[in-house]
Amino acid sequence: MQIDNLSRRLIDRFQHGMPLCAEPYRAMAEALDCSEAEVLACLEALEHGGGLSRVGPVFEHSRAGASTLVALAVPEARLESVAALINSYPEVNHNYLREHRYNLWFVVTGPDLAHVEALLARIEAETGLTPLDLPMRAAYRIDLGFPIGEAP
């Protein structure tokens, strides 16, 4: 995917935080000295080109409810159907296929621990597979940003 100058500037400036205001795309445009329509078109092009997965907040889960990392050991023949079921729950995000006996990994979030535990029980009942619950013990913050910089 070819990244143009506006995309580079947008990614470098806003991958670690969007303006918290009523019109964030307009504020982004002002910071980038372009139009709001250009910002929206840029984000759409990045999404369609596979360079953008989401635009949205990242919440400190312990302040917004409860979450846990979950792993399932899914027989290969059932992977697609189990993944589709897991993906149908709005509480699930970050669903990944891994090369391991526990091959399907995802994050479950909810308003409280009881909600998360109830969803894990439901997943077990609906799949017949026992979720491996891997709650976070300590948070280690890392910077997952990647500066794009000037075009080569």
C-alpha atoms as a PDB file:
ATOM      1  CA  MET A   1       0.000   0.000   0.000  1.00  0.00           C
ATOM      2  CA  GLN A   2       1.330   3.412  -0.986  1.00  0.00           C
ATOM      3  CA  ILE A   3       0.986   6.038   1.752  1.00  0.00           C
ATOM      4  CA  ASP A   4       0.638   9.645   0.633  1.00  0.00           C
ATOM      5  CA  ASN A   5       1.883  12.711   2.501  1.00  0.00           C
ATOM      6  CA  LEU A   6      -1.446  13.485   4.200  1.00  0.00           C
ATOM      7  CA  SER A   7      -1.743   9.880   5.398  1.00  0.00           C
ATOM      8  CA  ARG A   8       1.776  10.020   6.820  1.00  0.00           C
ATOM      9  CA  ARG A   9       1.070  13.243   8.691  1.00  0.00           C
ATOM     10  CA  LEU A  10      -2.311  11.988   9.929  1.00  0.00           C
ATOM     11  CA  ILE A  11      -0.847   8.729  11.252  1.00  0.00           C
ATOM     12  CA  ASP A  12       2.147  10.425  12.899  1.00  0.00           C
ATOM     13  CA  ARG A  13       0.010  13.095  14.548  1.00  0.00           C
ATOM     14  CA  PHE A  14      -3.055  11.107  15.640  1.00  0.00           C
ATOM     15  CA  GLN A  15      -2.205   7.439  16.190  1.00  0.00           C
ATOM     16  CA  HIS A  16      -1.797   8.184  19.910  1.00  0.00           C
ATOM     17  CA  GLY A  17      -4.836  10.330  20.446  1.00  0.00           C
ATOM     18  CA  MET A  18      -7.669  12.025  18.673  1.00  0.00           C
ATOM     19  CA  PRO A  19      -9.072  15.376  19.718  1.00  0.00           C
ATOM     20  CA  LEU A  20     -11.730  15.003  22.416  1.00  0.00           C
ATOM     21  CA  CYS A  21     -14.313  17.422  21.107  1.00  0.00           C
ATOM     22  CA  ALA A  22     -17.670  17.531  19.335  1.00  0.00           C
ATOM     23  CA  GLU A  23     -16.045  17.563  15.872  1.00  0.00           C
ATOM     24  CA  PRO A  24     -12.795  15.588  16.105  1.00  0.00           C
ATOM     25  CA  TYR A  25     -12.294  15.189  12.345  1.00  0.00           C
ATOM     26  CA  ARG A  26     -12.614  18.945  11.860  1.00  0.00           C
ATOM     27  CA  ALA A  27     -10.045  19.514  14.634  1.00  0.00           C
ATOM     28  CA  MET A  28      -7.740  16.969  12.986  1.00  0.00           C
ATOM     29  CA  ALA A  29      -8.123  18.781   9.671  1.00  0.00           C
ATOM     30  CA  GLU A  30      -7.246  22.103  11.279  1.00  0.00           C
ATOM     31  CA  ALA A  31      -4.119  20.589  12.849  1.00  0.00           C
ATOM     32  CA  LEU A  32      -3.105  19.125   9.480  1.00  0.00           C
ATOM     33  CA  ASP A  33      -4.006  22.258   7.509  1.00  0.00           C
ATOM     34  CA  CYS A  34      -6.487  20.475   5.240  1.00  0.00           C
ATOM     35  CA  SER A  35     -10.250  20.004   5.020  1.00  0.00           C
ATOM     36  CA  GLU A  36     -12.398  17.681   7.108  1.00  0.00           C
ATOM     37  CA  ALA A  37     -13.448  15.945   3.877  1.00  0.00           C
ATOM     38  CA  GLU A  38      -9.786  15.262   3.089  1.00  0.00           C
ATOM     39  CA  VAL A  39      -9.238  13.727   6.543  1.00  0.00           C
ATOM     40  CA  LEU A  40     -12.294  11.487   6.153  1.00  0.00           C
ATOM     41  CA  ALA A  41     -11.285  10.461   2.615  1.00  0.00           C
ATOM     42  CA  CYS A  42      -7.761   9.709   3.859  1.00  0.00           C
ATOM     43  CA  LEU A  43      -9.073   7.513   6.699  1.00  0.00           C
ATOM     44  CA  GLU A  44     -11.398   5.703   4.292  1.00  0.00           C
ATOM     45  CA  ALA A  45      -8.553   5.063   1.832  1.00  0.00           C
ATOM     46  CA  LEU A  46      -6.327   3.754   4.647  1.00  0.00           C
ATOM     47  CA  GLU A  47      -9.095   1.431   5.819  1.00  0.00           C
ATOM     48  CA  HIS A  48      -9.868   0.089   2.340  1.00  0.00           C
ATOM     49  CA  GLY A  49      -6.155  -0.332   1.608  1.00  0.00           C
ATOM     50  CA  GLY A  50      -5.624  -2.387   4.767  1.00  0.00           C
ATOM     51  CA  GLY A  51      -3.515   0.260   6.493  1.00  0.00           C
ATOM     52  CA  LEU A  52      -6.058   1.069   9.198  1.00  0.00           C
ATOM     53  CA  SER A  53      -7.924  -1.336  11.430  1.00  0.00           C
ATOM     54  CA  ARG A  54      -9.946   1.051  13.587  1.00  0.00           C
ATOM     55  CA  VAL A  55     -10.433   4.599  14.769  1.00  0.00           C
ATOM     56  CA  GLY A  56     -11.569   4.780  18.353  1.00  0.00           C
ATOM     57  CA  PRO A  57     -10.645   5.046  21.976  1.00  0.00           C
ATOM     58  CA  VAL A  58      -8.638   2.609  24.053  1.00  0.00           C
ATOM     59  CA  PHE A  59     -10.042   2.467  27.544  1.00  0.00           C
ATOM     60  CA  GLU A  60      -8.312   1.575  30.768  1.00  0.00           C
ATOM     61  CA  HIS A  61     -10.372  -1.587  31.257  1.00  0.00           C
ATOM     62  CA  SER A  62     -10.179  -1.566  35.042  1.00  0.00           C
ATOM     63  CA  ARG A  63     -11.922   1.820  35.084  1.00  0.00           C
ATOM     64  CA  ALA A  64     -14.554   0.886  32.516  1.00  0.00           C
ATOM     65  CA  GLY A  65     -15.536  -2.592  33.714  1.00  0.00           C
ATOM     66  CA  ALA A  66     -13.758  -5.918  33.531  1.00  0.00           C
ATOM     67  CA  SER A  67     -11.861  -7.850  30.879  1.00  0.00           C
ATOM     68  CA  THR A  68      -9.808 -10.967  30.430  1.00  0.00           C
ATOM     69  CA  LEU A  69      -7.719 -12.710  27.802  1.00  0.00           C
ATOM     70  CA  VAL A  70      -9.207 -16.058  26.794  1.00  0.00           C
ATOM     71  CA  ALA A  71      -7.794 -18.999  24.871  1.00  0.00           C
ATOM     72  CA  LEU A  72      -9.691 -21.930  23.374  1.00  0.00           C
ATOM     73  CA  ALA A  73      -8.363 -25.220  22.050  1.00  0.00           C
ATOM     74  CA  VAL A  74     -10.544 -25.544  18.947  1.00  0.00           C
ATOM     75  CA  PRO A  75     -10.397 -28.596  16.678  1.00  0.00           C
ATOM     76  CA  GLU A  76      -9.283 -27.455  13.227  1.00  0.00           C
ATOM     77  CA  ALA A  77     -12.493 -28.668  11.597  1.00  0.00           C
ATOM     78  CA  ARG A  78     -14.498 -26.338  13.862  1.00  0.00           C
ATOM     79  CA  LEU A  79     -12.278 -23.242  13.727  1.00  0.00           C
ATOM     80  CA  GLU A  80     -14.397 -21.202  11.314  1.00  0.00           C
ATOM     81  CA  SER A  81     -17.695 -21.901  13.065  1.00  0.00           C
ATOM     82  CA  VAL A  82     -16.314 -21.344  16.577  1.00  0.00           C
ATOM     83  CA  ALA A  83     -14.533 -18.131  15.502  1.00  0.00           C
ATOM     84  CA  ALA A  84     -17.772 -16.868  13.938  1.00  0.00           C
ATOM     85  CA  LEU A  85     -19.656 -17.600  17.158  1.00  0.00           C
ATOM     86  CA  ILE A  86     -17.000 -15.866  19.284  1.00  0.00           C
ATOM     87  CA  ASN A  87     -16.987 -12.870  16.930  1.00  0.00           C
ATOM     88  CA  SER A  88     -20.771 -12.537  17.259  1.00  0.00           C
ATOM     89  CA  TYR A  89     -20.509 -11.439  20.889  1.00  0.00           C
ATOM     90  CA  PRO A  90     -20.196  -7.659  21.220  1.00  0.00           C
ATOM     91  CA  GLU A  91     -18.055  -8.189  24.338  1.00  0.00           C
ATOM     92  CA  VAL A  92     -15.305  -9.884  22.279  1.00  0.00           C
ATOM     93  CA  ASN A  93     -12.468  -8.148  20.500  1.00  0.00           C
ATOM     94  CA  HIS A  94      -8.920  -8.935  19.399  1.00  0.00           C
ATOM     95  CA  ASN A  95      -9.736 -12.457  18.212  1.00  0.00           C
ATOM     96  CA  TYR A  96      -6.627 -14.221  16.852  1.00  0.00           C
ATOM     97  CA  LEU A  97      -5.716 -17.618  15.435  1.00  0.00           C
ATOM     98  CA  ARG A  98      -2.477 -18.978  16.950  1.00  0.00           C
ATOM     99  CA  GLU A  99      -0.279 -21.977  16.205  1.00  0.00           C
ATOM    100  CA  HIS A 100      -0.706 -23.857  19.476  1.00  0.00           C
ATOM    101  CA  ARG A 101      -3.055 -26.351  21.055  1.00  0.00           C
ATOM    102  CA  TYR A 102      -4.837 -23.252  22.385  1.00  0.00           C
ATOM    103  CA  ASN A 103      -5.301 -21.816  18.934  1.00  0.00           C
ATOM    104  CA  LEU A 104      -8.060 -19.203  19.293  1.00  0.00           C
ATOM    105  CA  TRP A 105      -7.248 -16.213  21.541  1.00  0.00           C
ATOM    106  CA  PHE A 106      -9.536 -13.256  22.237  1.00  0.00           C
ATOM    107  CA  VAL A 107     -10.320 -10.560  24.771  1.00  0.00           C
ATOM    108  CA  VAL A 108     -13.677 -10.415  26.570  1.00  0.00           C
ATOM    109  CA  THR A 109     -14.857  -7.173  28.169  1.00  0.00           C
ATOM    110  CA  GLY A 110     -17.946  -6.408  30.192  1.00  0.00           C
ATOM    111  CA  PRO A 111     -19.391  -4.022  32.753  1.00  0.00           C
ATOM    112  CA  ASP A 112     -18.186  -6.234  35.629  1.00  0.00           C
ATOM    113  CA  LEU A 113     -16.489  -9.545  36.397  1.00  0.00           C
ATOM    114  CA  ALA A 114     -19.823 -11.372  36.796  1.00  0.00           C
ATOM    115  CA  HIS A 115     -20.768 -10.423  33.217  1.00  0.00           C
ATOM    116  CA  VAL A 116     -17.421 -11.645  31.863  1.00  0.00           C
ATOM    117  CA  GLU A 117     -17.690 -14.919  33.780  1.00  0.00           C
ATOM    118  CA  ALA A 118     -21.263 -15.446  32.554  1.00  0.00           C
ATOM    119  CA  LEU A 119     -20.134 -14.972  28.952  1.00  0.00           C
ATOM    120  CA  LEU A 120     -17.298 -17.481  29.420  1.00  0.00           C
ATOM    121  CA  ALA A 121     -19.823 -19.991  30.785  1.00  0.00           C
ATOM    122  CA  ARG A 122     -22.075 -19.322  27.791  1.00  0.00           C
ATOM    123  CA  ILE A 123     -19.169 -19.814  25.372  1.00  0.00           C
ATOM    124  CA  GLU A 124     -18.352 -23.124  27.054  1.00  0.00           C
ATOM    125  CA  ALA A 125     -22.001 -24.239  26.923  1.00  0.00           C
ATOM    126  CA  GLU A 126     -22.405 -23.269  23.250  1.00  0.00           C
ATOM    127  CA  THR A 127     -19.081 -24.680  22.000  1.00  0.00           C
ATOM    128  CA  GLY A 128     -18.439 -27.560  24.382  1.00  0.00           C
ATOM    129  CA  LEU A 129     -14.917 -26.136  24.766  1.00  0.00           C
ATOM    130  CA  THR A 130     -13.491 -24.967  28.083  1.00  0.00           C
ATOM    131  CA  PRO A 131     -12.167 -21.393  27.932  1.00  0.00           C
ATOM    132  CA  LEU A 132      -8.742 -20.825  29.428  1.00  0.00           C
ATOM    133  CA  ASP A 133      -9.247 -17.597  31.396  1.00  0.00           C
ATOM    134  CA  LEU A 134      -6.032 -15.556  31.577  1.00  0.00           C
ATOM    135  CA  PRO A 135      -6.806 -12.417  33.598  1.00  0.00           C
ATOM    136  CA  MET A 136      -4.232  -9.657  33.635  1.00  0.00           C
ATOM    137  CA  ARG A 137      -2.137  -9.597  36.790  1.00  0.00           C
ATOM    138  CA  ALA A 138      -0.128  -6.460  36.007  1.00  0.00           C
ATOM    139  CA  ALA A 139      -0.186  -3.922  33.182  1.00  0.00           C
ATOM    140  CA  TYR A 140       3.011  -3.145  31.313  1.00  0.00           C
ATOM    141  CA  ARG A 141       2.486  -0.186  29.037  1.00  0.00           C
ATOM    142  CA  ILE A 142       4.312  -0.222  25.748  1.00  0.00           C
ATOM    143  CA  ASP A 143       4.190   2.265  22.924  1.00  0.00           C
ATOM    144  CA  LEU A 144       2.675   0.491  19.954  1.00  0.00           C
ATOM    145  CA  GLY A 145       2.973   3.531  17.735  1.00  0.00           C
ATOM    146  CA  PHE A 146       5.118   3.475  14.658  1.00  0.00           C
ATOM    147  CA  PRO A 147       6.261   6.816  13.280  1.00  0.00           C
ATOM    148  CA  ILE A 148       5.757   6.960   9.551  1.00  0.00           C
ATOM    149  CA  GLY A 149       7.875  10.053   8.881  1.00  0.00           C
ATOM    150  CA  GLU A 150       8.780  11.494   5.532  1.00  0.00           C
ATOM    151  CA  ALA A 151       8.417   9.518   2.311  1.00  0.00           C
ATOM    152  CA  PRO A 152      11.659   7.805   1.211  1.00  0.00           C
END
